[in-house]
Amino acid sequence: MAEVAEVAAAAEAARGCSEAPDGGSSGSEDEARPSPAAAAQKRERWLRKFRELHMKRNEARKLNHQEVVEEDKRLKLPPNWEAKKARLEWELKVEEKKKECAARGEDYERVKLLEISAEDAERWERKKKRKNPDLGFSDYAAAQLRQYQRLTRQIKPDLEQYEKLKEQYGEALYPTSDSLLHGTHVPTKEGIDRMVADLEKQIEKREKYSRRRPYNDDADIDYINERNAKFNKKAERFYGKYTAEIKQNLERGTAV
C-alpha cells in the first residue's frame, strides 16, 4: 500500500510539473519550483517503480494461477496416488539396479542382501512372524497339513525320556529301511494320558465351531426340510429387501 501511495504521489508531481505556470505567479514561486530536468528525472524514477510494481503483480497473478491449476490436478487424482507413485518410483529404481548388476555380472539378490542392515533384517523377520499363516481353505490336503502342523507345534518333547530310550536301544532307536517297527514300541501311561487329553480338547473345540443353531418356535415355517431352510435363509439374506413388499401383499391377499 505504501508503494502504491508513493506511485500516486509521483504521478501527481509529474502531472504538476508538466502543467504550464500561471502568468500571475510571483518570483518567489518560480524560484521554489524545481527545474524541468529535475522534474523529468523524478517522474522517470516513479514511472520505473510503477512498471516494476506492475510486473510483480503480473508475476504474482501468474504464479497464483499455476498453483490453482496444480491444486485442481491434485484434487482430481485418486486418493492413493501418492502411494502408487512411490511404488512405481521404487520399482523403477529396482529395475535400474538389476540392469546395473547384470552389466557388472553380479547377482542382484546377493547385492540387495549385502545392503540390508541387521536392524532392518530383524524388523522384517518380526513382521513376518506377526503375519497370519492361515490363508483359508484351499483343499482338504492343505487343511489336514495345517492341522498337523498346528498340533505338532503344541507338543512338548520329553527330553529325559528320550535320553533313556537312546541309552536303552542305542542305534536301534533310529530306524532304517530294514528295521521292523511293528509291535516293538510300547507307549507309556503318561504318553497315553497326554494323547487322550489332547483328543478331548480337540473334540471340545470342534463342538464349539460346529454347534447347532437354536431353533425358533415362533418363526414362520416356509421350508420342507433342513436343506431347504438353509436355502431360504440365504435367499432372504440376499433378496429379502427386494421381495418384502411382494411377500406382504401375498400375506394380505392384495397382490395383483
C-alpha atoms as a PDB file:
ATOM      1  CA  MET A   1       0.000   0.000   0.000  1.00  0.00           C
ATOM      2  CA  ALA A   2       2.875   2.390   0.772  1.00  0.00           C
ATOM      3  CA  GLU A   3       4.373   1.785  -2.658  1.00  0.00           C
ATOM      4  CA  VAL A   4       1.015   2.482  -4.342  1.00  0.00           C
ATOM      5  CA  ALA A   5       0.725   5.748  -2.403  1.00  0.00           C
ATOM      6  CA  GLU A   6       4.222   6.717  -3.481  1.00  0.00           C
ATOM      7  CA  VAL A   7       3.351   5.948  -7.099  1.00  0.00           C
ATOM      8  CA  ALA A   8       0.210   8.090  -6.852  1.00  0.00           C
ATOM      9  CA  ALA A   9       2.230  10.949  -5.328  1.00  0.00           C
ATOM     10  CA  ALA A  10       4.835  10.648  -8.092  1.00  0.00           C
ATOM     11  CA  ALA A  11       2.142  10.749 -10.765  1.00  0.00           C
ATOM     12  CA  GLU A  12       0.611  13.816  -9.161  1.00  0.00           C
ATOM     13  CA  ALA A  13       4.034  15.525  -9.013  1.00  0.00           C
ATOM     14  CA  ALA A  14       4.739  14.649 -12.631  1.00  0.00           C
ATOM     15  CA  ARG A  15       1.378  15.987 -13.701  1.00  0.00           C
ATOM     16  CA  GLY A  16       2.047  19.247 -11.792  1.00  0.00           C
ATOM     17  CA  CYS A  17       5.449  19.594 -13.421  1.00  0.00           C
ATOM     18  CA  SER A  18       4.041  19.082 -16.888  1.00  0.00           C
ATOM     19  CA  GLU A  19       1.451  21.867 -16.473  1.00  0.00           C
ATOM     20  CA  ALA A  20       2.490  25.396 -17.526  1.00  0.00           C
ATOM     21  CA  PRO A  21       2.801  28.015 -14.704  1.00  0.00           C
ATOM     22  CA  ASP A  22       0.234  30.766 -14.446  1.00  0.00           C
ATOM     23  CA  GLY A  23       1.217  34.220 -15.750  1.00  0.00           C
ATOM     24  CA  GLY A  24       0.297  35.958 -12.493  1.00  0.00           C
ATOM     25  CA  SER A  25       2.615  33.881 -10.214  1.00  0.00           C
ATOM     26  CA  SER A  26       5.222  35.713  -8.151  1.00  0.00           C
ATOM     27  CA  GLY A  27       9.013  35.414  -8.436  1.00  0.00           C
ATOM     28  CA  SER A  28       9.343  33.514  -5.163  1.00  0.00           C
ATOM     29  CA  GLU A  29       7.124  30.715  -6.551  1.00  0.00           C
ATOM     30  CA  ASP A  30       9.328  30.475  -9.667  1.00  0.00           C
ATOM     31  CA  GLU A  31      12.408  30.072  -7.513  1.00  0.00           C
ATOM     32  CA  ALA A  32      10.768  27.311  -5.356  1.00  0.00           C
ATOM     33  CA  ARG A  33       9.595  25.369  -8.418  1.00  0.00           C
ATOM     34  CA  PRO A  34      12.180  22.648  -9.481  1.00  0.00           C
ATOM     35  CA  SER A  35      13.866  22.785 -12.820  1.00  0.00           C
ATOM     36  CA  PRO A  36      12.359  20.846 -15.772  1.00  0.00           C
ATOM     37  CA  ALA A  37      15.330  18.412 -15.836  1.00  0.00           C
ATOM     38  CA  ALA A  38      14.945  17.509 -12.118  1.00  0.00           C
ATOM     39  CA  ALA A  39      11.187  17.093 -12.540  1.00  0.00           C
ATOM     40  CA  ALA A  40      11.722  14.820 -15.540  1.00  0.00           C
ATOM     41  CA  GLN A  41      14.207  12.611 -13.601  1.00  0.00           C
ATOM     42  CA  LYS A  42      11.845  12.341 -10.667  1.00  0.00           C
ATOM     43  CA  ARG A  43       8.964  11.455 -12.986  1.00  0.00           C
ATOM     44  CA  GLU A  44      11.071   8.828 -14.736  1.00  0.00           C
ATOM     45  CA  ARG A  45      12.089   7.301 -11.404  1.00  0.00           C
ATOM     46  CA  TRP A  46       8.495   6.982 -10.215  1.00  0.00           C
ATOM     47  CA  LEU A  47       7.357   5.586 -13.566  1.00  0.00           C
ATOM     48  CA  ARG A  48      10.113   2.971 -13.405  1.00  0.00           C
ATOM     49  CA  LYS A  49       8.986   1.956  -9.925  1.00  0.00           C
ATOM     50  CA  PHE A  50       5.405   1.820 -11.166  1.00  0.00           C
ATOM     51  CA  ARG A  51       6.434  -0.535 -14.006  1.00  0.00           C
ATOM     52  CA  GLU A  52       8.273  -2.767 -11.526  1.00  0.00           C
ATOM     53  CA  LEU A  53       5.170  -2.991  -9.336  1.00  0.00           C
ATOM     54  CA  HIS A  54       3.084  -3.794 -12.394  1.00  0.00           C
ATOM     55  CA  MET A  55       5.481  -6.625 -13.392  1.00  0.00           C
ATOM     56  CA  LYS A  56       5.440  -8.027  -9.843  1.00  0.00           C
ATOM     57  CA  ARG A  57       1.664  -8.021  -9.870  1.00  0.00           C
ATOM     58  CA  ASN A  58       1.562  -9.893 -13.181  1.00  0.00           C
ATOM     59  CA  GLU A  59       4.115 -12.405 -11.902  1.00  0.00           C
ATOM     60  CA  ALA A  60       2.118 -12.983  -8.698  1.00  0.00           C
ATOM     61  CA  ARG A  61      -1.059 -13.448 -10.770  1.00  0.00           C
ATOM     62  CA  LYS A  62       0.720 -15.991 -12.992  1.00  0.00           C
ATOM     63  CA  LEU A  63       2.098 -17.968 -10.034  1.00  0.00           C
ATOM     64  CA  ASN A  64      -1.295 -17.934  -8.351  1.00  0.00           C
ATOM     65  CA  HIS A  65      -2.932 -19.299 -11.497  1.00  0.00           C
ATOM     66  CA  GLN A  66      -0.320 -22.067 -11.761  1.00  0.00           C
ATOM     67  CA  GLU A  67      -0.889 -23.036  -8.128  1.00  0.00           C
ATOM     68  CA  VAL A  68      -4.656 -23.192  -8.688  1.00  0.00           C
ATOM     69  CA  VAL A  69      -4.148 -25.459 -11.716  1.00  0.00           C
ATOM     70  CA  GLU A  70      -1.800 -27.761  -9.775  1.00  0.00           C
ATOM     71  CA  GLU A  71      -4.224 -27.951  -6.845  1.00  0.00           C
ATOM     72  CA  ASP A  72      -7.067 -28.845  -9.202  1.00  0.00           C
ATOM     73  CA  LYS A  73      -4.927 -31.636 -10.686  1.00  0.00           C
ATOM     74  CA  ARG A  74      -4.126 -32.987  -7.205  1.00  0.00           C
ATOM     75  CA  LEU A  75      -7.814 -32.991  -6.242  1.00  0.00           C
ATOM     76  CA  LYS A  76      -8.709 -34.980  -9.376  1.00  0.00           C
ATOM     77  CA  LEU A  77      -6.108 -37.674  -8.644  1.00  0.00           C
ATOM     78  CA  PRO A  78      -7.195 -40.902  -6.873  1.00  0.00           C
ATOM     79  CA  PRO A  79      -6.802 -40.938  -3.067  1.00  0.00           C
ATOM     80  CA  ASN A  80      -3.936 -43.475  -3.116  1.00  0.00           C
ATOM     81  CA  TRP A  81      -1.991 -41.726  -5.880  1.00  0.00           C
ATOM     82  CA  GLU A  82       0.949 -40.831  -3.642  1.00  0.00           C
ATOM     83  CA  ALA A  83       1.395 -44.456  -2.563  1.00  0.00           C
ATOM     84  CA  LYS A  84       1.147 -45.669  -6.179  1.00  0.00           C
ATOM     85  CA  LYS A  85       3.649 -43.046  -7.301  1.00  0.00           C
ATOM     86  CA  ALA A  86       6.104 -44.054  -4.582  1.00  0.00           C
ATOM     87  CA  ARG A  87       5.636 -47.721  -5.521  1.00  0.00           C
ATOM     88  CA  LEU A  88       6.296 -47.027  -9.222  1.00  0.00           C
ATOM     89  CA  GLU A  89       9.399 -44.993  -8.412  1.00  0.00           C
ATOM     90  CA  TRP A  90      10.681 -47.826  -6.220  1.00  0.00           C
ATOM     91  CA  GLU A  91      10.065 -50.363  -8.999  1.00  0.00           C
ATOM     92  CA  LEU A  92      11.963 -48.179 -11.484  1.00  0.00           C
ATOM     93  CA  LYS A  93      14.906 -47.962  -9.086  1.00  0.00           C
ATOM     94  CA  VAL A  94      14.867 -51.747  -8.655  1.00  0.00           C
ATOM     95  CA  GLU A  95      14.871 -52.288 -12.426  1.00  0.00           C
ATOM     96  CA  GLU A  96      17.787 -49.887 -12.864  1.00  0.00           C
ATOM     97  CA  LYS A  97      19.675 -51.652 -10.068  1.00  0.00           C
ATOM     98  CA  LYS A  98      19.055 -55.039 -11.708  1.00  0.00           C
ATOM     99  CA  LYS A  99      20.380 -53.745 -15.043  1.00  0.00           C
ATOM    100  CA  GLU A 100      23.496 -52.367 -13.347  1.00  0.00           C
ATOM    101  CA  CYS A 101      24.137 -55.678 -11.570  1.00  0.00           C
ATOM    102  CA  ALA A 102      23.598 -57.609 -14.807  1.00  0.00           C
ATOM    103  CA  ALA A 103      26.039 -55.340 -16.618  1.00  0.00           C
ATOM    104  CA  ARG A 104      28.679 -55.972 -13.917  1.00  0.00           C
ATOM    105  CA  GLY A 105      27.944 -59.705 -13.871  1.00  0.00           C
ATOM    106  CA  GLU A 106      26.706 -59.694 -10.256  1.00  0.00           C
ATOM    107  CA  ASP A 107      23.700 -61.339  -8.625  1.00  0.00           C
ATOM    108  CA  TYR A 108      21.089 -58.723  -7.730  1.00  0.00           C
ATOM    109  CA  GLU A 109      19.656 -60.713  -4.801  1.00  0.00           C
ATOM    110  CA  ARG A 110      23.093 -61.039  -3.241  1.00  0.00           C
ATOM    111  CA  VAL A 111      23.862 -57.347  -3.714  1.00  0.00           C
ATOM    112  CA  LYS A 112      20.495 -56.426  -2.189  1.00  0.00           C
ATOM    113  CA  LEU A 113      21.116 -58.595   0.869  1.00  0.00           C
ATOM    114  CA  LEU A 114      24.544 -57.033   1.360  1.00  0.00           C
ATOM    115  CA  GLU A 115      22.954 -53.582   1.507  1.00  0.00           C
ATOM    116  CA  ILE A 116      20.399 -54.567   4.183  1.00  0.00           C
ATOM    117  CA  SER A 117      21.368 -53.696   7.749  1.00  0.00           C
ATOM    118  CA  ALA A 118      20.948 -56.082  10.669  1.00  0.00           C
ATOM    119  CA  GLU A 119      18.267 -53.877  12.236  1.00  0.00           C
ATOM    120  CA  ASP A 120      16.156 -53.907   9.050  1.00  0.00           C
ATOM    121  CA  ALA A 121      16.536 -57.691   8.745  1.00  0.00           C
ATOM    122  CA  GLU A 122      15.373 -58.218  12.341  1.00  0.00           C
ATOM    123  CA  ARG A 123      12.418 -55.897  11.846  1.00  0.00           C
ATOM    124  CA  TRP A 124      11.321 -57.752   8.691  1.00  0.00           C
ATOM    125  CA  GLU A 125      11.621 -61.112  10.454  1.00  0.00           C
ATOM    126  CA  ARG A 126       9.424 -59.870  13.306  1.00  0.00           C
ATOM    127  CA  LYS A 127       6.920 -58.576  10.771  1.00  0.00           C
ATOM    128  CA  LYS A 128       6.808 -61.963   9.019  1.00  0.00           C
ATOM    129  CA  LYS A 129       6.180 -63.744  12.311  1.00  0.00           C
ATOM    130  CA  ARG A 130       3.240 -61.475  13.075  1.00  0.00           C
ATOM    131  CA  LYS A 131       1.502 -62.389   9.823  1.00  0.00           C
ATOM    132  CA  ASN A 132      -1.288 -64.967   9.933  1.00  0.00           C
ATOM    133  CA  PRO A 133      -0.061 -68.082   8.080  1.00  0.00           C
ATOM    134  CA  ASP A 134      -3.610 -69.446   7.710  1.00  0.00           C
ATOM    135  CA  LEU A 135      -4.688 -68.426   4.194  1.00  0.00           C
ATOM    136  CA  GLY A 136      -8.087 -70.102   4.411  1.00  0.00           C
ATOM    137  CA  PHE A 137      -9.432 -73.315   2.910  1.00  0.00           C
ATOM    138  CA  SER A 138      -7.987 -74.369  -0.442  1.00  0.00           C
ATOM    139  CA  ASP A 139      -8.337 -78.170  -0.366  1.00  0.00           C
ATOM    140  CA  TYR A 140      -8.598 -80.958   2.201  1.00  0.00           C
ATOM    141  CA  ALA A 141      -4.924 -81.925   1.923  1.00  0.00           C
ATOM    142  CA  ALA A 142      -3.796 -78.380   2.768  1.00  0.00           C
ATOM    143  CA  ALA A 143      -6.280 -78.183   5.646  1.00  0.00           C
ATOM    144  CA  GLN A 144      -5.016 -81.507   7.010  1.00  0.00           C
ATOM    145  CA  LEU A 145      -1.407 -80.305   6.743  1.00  0.00           C
ATOM    146  CA  ARG A 146      -2.214 -77.103   8.656  1.00  0.00           C
ATOM    147  CA  GLN A 147      -3.988 -79.126  11.338  1.00  0.00           C
ATOM    148  CA  TYR A 148      -0.975 -81.454  11.646  1.00  0.00           C
ATOM    149  CA  GLN A 149       1.457 -78.529  11.909  1.00  0.00           C
ATOM    150  CA  ARG A 150      -0.727 -76.826  14.492  1.00  0.00           C
ATOM    151  CA  LEU A 151      -0.893 -79.961  16.635  1.00  0.00           C
ATOM    152  CA  THR A 152       2.815 -80.736  16.368  1.00  0.00           C
ATOM    153  CA  ARG A 153       3.709 -77.201  17.476  1.00  0.00           C
ATOM    154  CA  GLN A 154       1.808 -77.827  20.685  1.00  0.00           C
ATOM    155  CA  ILE A 155       3.791 -80.980  21.528  1.00  0.00           C
ATOM    156  CA  LYS A 156       6.434 -80.523  24.216  1.00  0.00           C
ATOM    157  CA  PRO A 157       9.043 -83.296  23.890  1.00  0.00           C
ATOM    158  CA  ASP A 158      10.150 -85.206  26.987  1.00  0.00           C
ATOM    159  CA  LEU A 159      13.936 -84.956  26.702  1.00  0.00           C
ATOM    160  CA  GLU A 160      14.588 -87.103  29.787  1.00  0.00           C
ATOM    161  CA  GLN A 161      12.587 -89.997  28.380  1.00  0.00           C
ATOM    162  CA  TYR A 162      14.319 -89.534  25.041  1.00  0.00           C
ATOM    163  CA  GLU A 163      17.768 -89.869  26.689  1.00  0.00           C
ATOM    164  CA  LYS A 164      16.641 -93.025  28.499  1.00  0.00           C
ATOM    165  CA  LEU A 165      15.407 -94.602  25.276  1.00  0.00           C
ATOM    166  CA  LYS A 166      18.617 -93.676  23.495  1.00  0.00           C
ATOM    167  CA  GLU A 167      20.683 -95.382  26.217  1.00  0.00           C
ATOM    168  CA  GLN A 168      18.395 -98.436  26.137  1.00  0.00           C
ATOM    169  CA  TYR A 169      18.147 -99.031  22.370  1.00  0.00           C
ATOM    170  CA  GLY A 170      21.268 -97.315  21.040  1.00  0.00           C
ATOM    171  CA  GLU A 171      21.370 -97.268  17.218  1.00  0.00           C
ATOM    172  CA  ALA A 172      18.137 -99.257  17.069  1.00  0.00           C
ATOM    173  CA  LEU A 173      16.300 -96.131  18.199  1.00  0.00           C
ATOM    174  CA  TYR A 174      16.865 -94.649  14.739  1.00  0.00           C
ATOM    175  CA  PRO A 175      15.080 -96.973  12.300  1.00  0.00           C
ATOM    176  CA  THR A 176      16.223 -97.690   8.771  1.00  0.00           C
ATOM    177  CA  SER A 177      14.609 -99.393   5.797  1.00  0.00           C
ATOM    178  CA  ASP A 178      15.491-102.825   7.311  1.00  0.00           C
ATOM    179  CA  SER A 179      14.038-102.095  10.770  1.00  0.00           C
ATOM    180  CA  LEU A 180      10.947-103.905  12.000  1.00  0.00           C
ATOM    181  CA  LEU A 181       8.869-101.379  13.925  1.00  0.00           C
ATOM    182  CA  HIS A 182       5.514-103.099  14.283  1.00  0.00           C
ATOM    183  CA  GLY A 183       4.919-104.247  17.837  1.00  0.00           C
ATOM    184  CA  THR A 184       8.264-103.030  19.170  1.00  0.00           C
ATOM    185  CA  HIS A 185       7.100 -99.738  20.731  1.00  0.00           C
ATOM    186  CA  VAL A 186       5.114 -99.737  23.973  1.00  0.00           C
ATOM    187  CA  PRO A 187       3.797 -96.255  24.901  1.00  0.00           C
ATOM    188  CA  THR A 188       3.982 -95.118  28.491  1.00  0.00           C
ATOM    189  CA  LYS A 189       0.944 -94.374  30.634  1.00  0.00           C
ATOM    190  CA  GLU A 190       1.877 -90.657  30.740  1.00  0.00           C
ATOM    191  CA  GLY A 191       2.040 -90.551  26.944  1.00  0.00           C
ATOM    192  CA  ILE A 192      -1.375 -92.213  26.634  1.00  0.00           C
ATOM    193  CA  ASP A 193      -2.907 -89.772  29.118  1.00  0.00           C
ATOM    194  CA  ARG A 194      -1.404 -86.847  27.270  1.00  0.00           C
ATOM    195  CA  MET A 195      -2.822 -88.099  23.950  1.00  0.00           C
ATOM    196  CA  VAL A 196      -6.289 -88.638  25.464  1.00  0.00           C
ATOM    197  CA  ALA A 197      -6.283 -85.124  26.970  1.00  0.00           C
ATOM    198  CA  ASP A 198      -5.279 -83.644  23.618  1.00  0.00           C
ATOM    199  CA  LEU A 199      -8.026 -85.563  21.764  1.00  0.00           C
ATOM    200  CA  GLU A 200     -10.652 -84.428  24.266  1.00  0.00           C
ATOM    201  CA  LYS A 201      -9.505 -80.851  23.799  1.00  0.00           C
ATOM    202  CA  GLN A 202      -9.834 -81.196  20.002  1.00  0.00           C
ATOM    203  CA  ILE A 203     -13.329 -82.668  20.327  1.00  0.00           C
ATOM    204  CA  GLU A 204     -14.424 -79.854  22.625  1.00  0.00           C
ATOM    205  CA  LYS A 205     -13.061 -77.219  20.272  1.00  0.00           C
ATOM    206  CA  ARG A 206     -14.700 -78.880  17.253  1.00  0.00           C
ATOM    207  CA  GLU A 207     -18.082 -78.941  19.000  1.00  0.00           C
ATOM    208  CA  LYS A 208     -17.880 -75.210  19.628  1.00  0.00           C
ATOM    209  CA  TYR A 209     -17.302 -74.485  15.961  1.00  0.00           C
ATOM    210  CA  SER A 210     -19.982 -76.891  14.701  1.00  0.00           C
ATOM    211  CA  ARG A 211     -22.667 -76.126  17.295  1.00  0.00           C
ATOM    212  CA  ARG A 212     -26.250 -76.311  16.128  1.00  0.00           C
ATOM    213  CA  ARG A 213     -28.080 -73.024  15.942  1.00  0.00           C
ATOM    214  CA  PRO A 214     -31.060 -72.638  18.317  1.00  0.00           C
ATOM    215  CA  TYR A 215     -34.482 -73.299  16.834  1.00  0.00           C
ATOM    216  CA  ASN A 216     -37.075 -70.523  16.930  1.00  0.00           C
ATOM    217  CA  ASP A 217     -40.577 -71.922  17.541  1.00  0.00           C
ATOM    218  CA  ASP A 218     -42.272 -68.611  16.651  1.00  0.00           C
ATOM    219  CA  ALA A 219     -40.650 -68.350  13.201  1.00  0.00           C
ATOM    220  CA  ASP A 220     -42.740 -68.972  10.083  1.00  0.00           C
ATOM    221  CA  ILE A 221     -42.328 -72.428   8.550  1.00  0.00           C
ATOM    222  CA  ASP A 222     -41.546 -71.811   4.872  1.00  0.00           C
ATOM    223  CA  TYR A 223     -39.432 -74.894   4.203  1.00  0.00           C
ATOM    224  CA  ILE A 224     -39.874 -78.619   3.740  1.00  0.00           C
ATOM    225  CA  ASN A 225     -36.564 -79.833   5.173  1.00  0.00           C
ATOM    226  CA  GLU A 226     -33.373 -78.507   6.756  1.00  0.00           C
ATOM    227  CA  ARG A 227     -31.604 -78.078   3.447  1.00  0.00           C
ATOM    228  CA  ASN A 228     -34.489 -76.041   2.062  1.00  0.00           C
ATOM    229  CA  ALA A 229     -34.481 -73.931   5.252  1.00  0.00           C
ATOM    230  CA  LYS A 230     -30.818 -73.036   4.726  1.00  0.00           C
ATOM    231  CA  PHE A 231     -31.517 -72.140   1.091  1.00  0.00           C
ATOM    232  CA  ASN A 232     -34.430 -69.900   2.106  1.00  0.00           C
ATOM    233  CA  LYS A 233     -32.248 -68.106   4.655  1.00  0.00           C
ATOM    234  CA  LYS A 234     -29.617 -67.403   2.014  1.00  0.00           C
ATOM    235  CA  ALA A 235     -32.259 -66.168  -0.445  1.00  0.00           C
ATOM    236  CA  GLU A 236     -33.762 -63.921   2.241  1.00  0.00           C
ATOM    237  CA  ARG A 237     -30.355 -62.506   3.101  1.00  0.00           C
ATOM    238  CA  PHE A 238     -29.588 -61.502  -0.492  1.00  0.00           C
ATOM    239  CA  TYR A 239     -33.047 -60.741  -1.971  1.00  0.00           C
ATOM    240  CA  GLY A 240     -35.247 -60.084   1.059  1.00  0.00           C
ATOM    241  CA  LYS A 241     -35.188 -56.301   0.704  1.00  0.00           C
ATOM    242  CA  TYR A 242     -36.434 -56.590  -2.906  1.00  0.00           C
ATOM    243  CA  THR A 243     -39.248 -59.087  -2.220  1.00  0.00           C
ATOM    244  CA  ALA A 244     -40.513 -57.709   1.120  1.00  0.00           C
ATOM    245  CA  GLU A 245     -43.398 -55.778  -0.456  1.00  0.00           C
ATOM    246  CA  ILE A 246     -44.460 -58.712  -2.653  1.00  0.00           C
ATOM    247  CA  LYS A 247     -44.442 -61.037   0.380  1.00  0.00           C
ATOM    248  CA  GLN A 248     -46.577 -58.611   2.401  1.00  0.00           C
ATOM    249  CA  ASN A 249     -49.101 -58.288  -0.441  1.00  0.00           C
ATOM    250  CA  LEU A 250     -49.362 -62.077  -0.703  1.00  0.00           C
ATOM    251  CA  GLU A 251     -49.941 -62.391   3.037  1.00  0.00           C
ATOM    252  CA  ARG A 252     -52.667 -59.709   2.977  1.00  0.00           C
ATOM    253  CA  GLY A 253     -54.209 -61.112  -0.182  1.00  0.00           C
ATOM    254  CA  THR A 254     -53.873 -57.813  -2.053  1.00  0.00           C
ATOM    255  CA  ALA A 255     -51.325 -58.960  -4.614  1.00  0.00           C
ATOM    256  CA  VAL A 256     -52.184 -58.084  -8.243  1.00  0.00           C
END
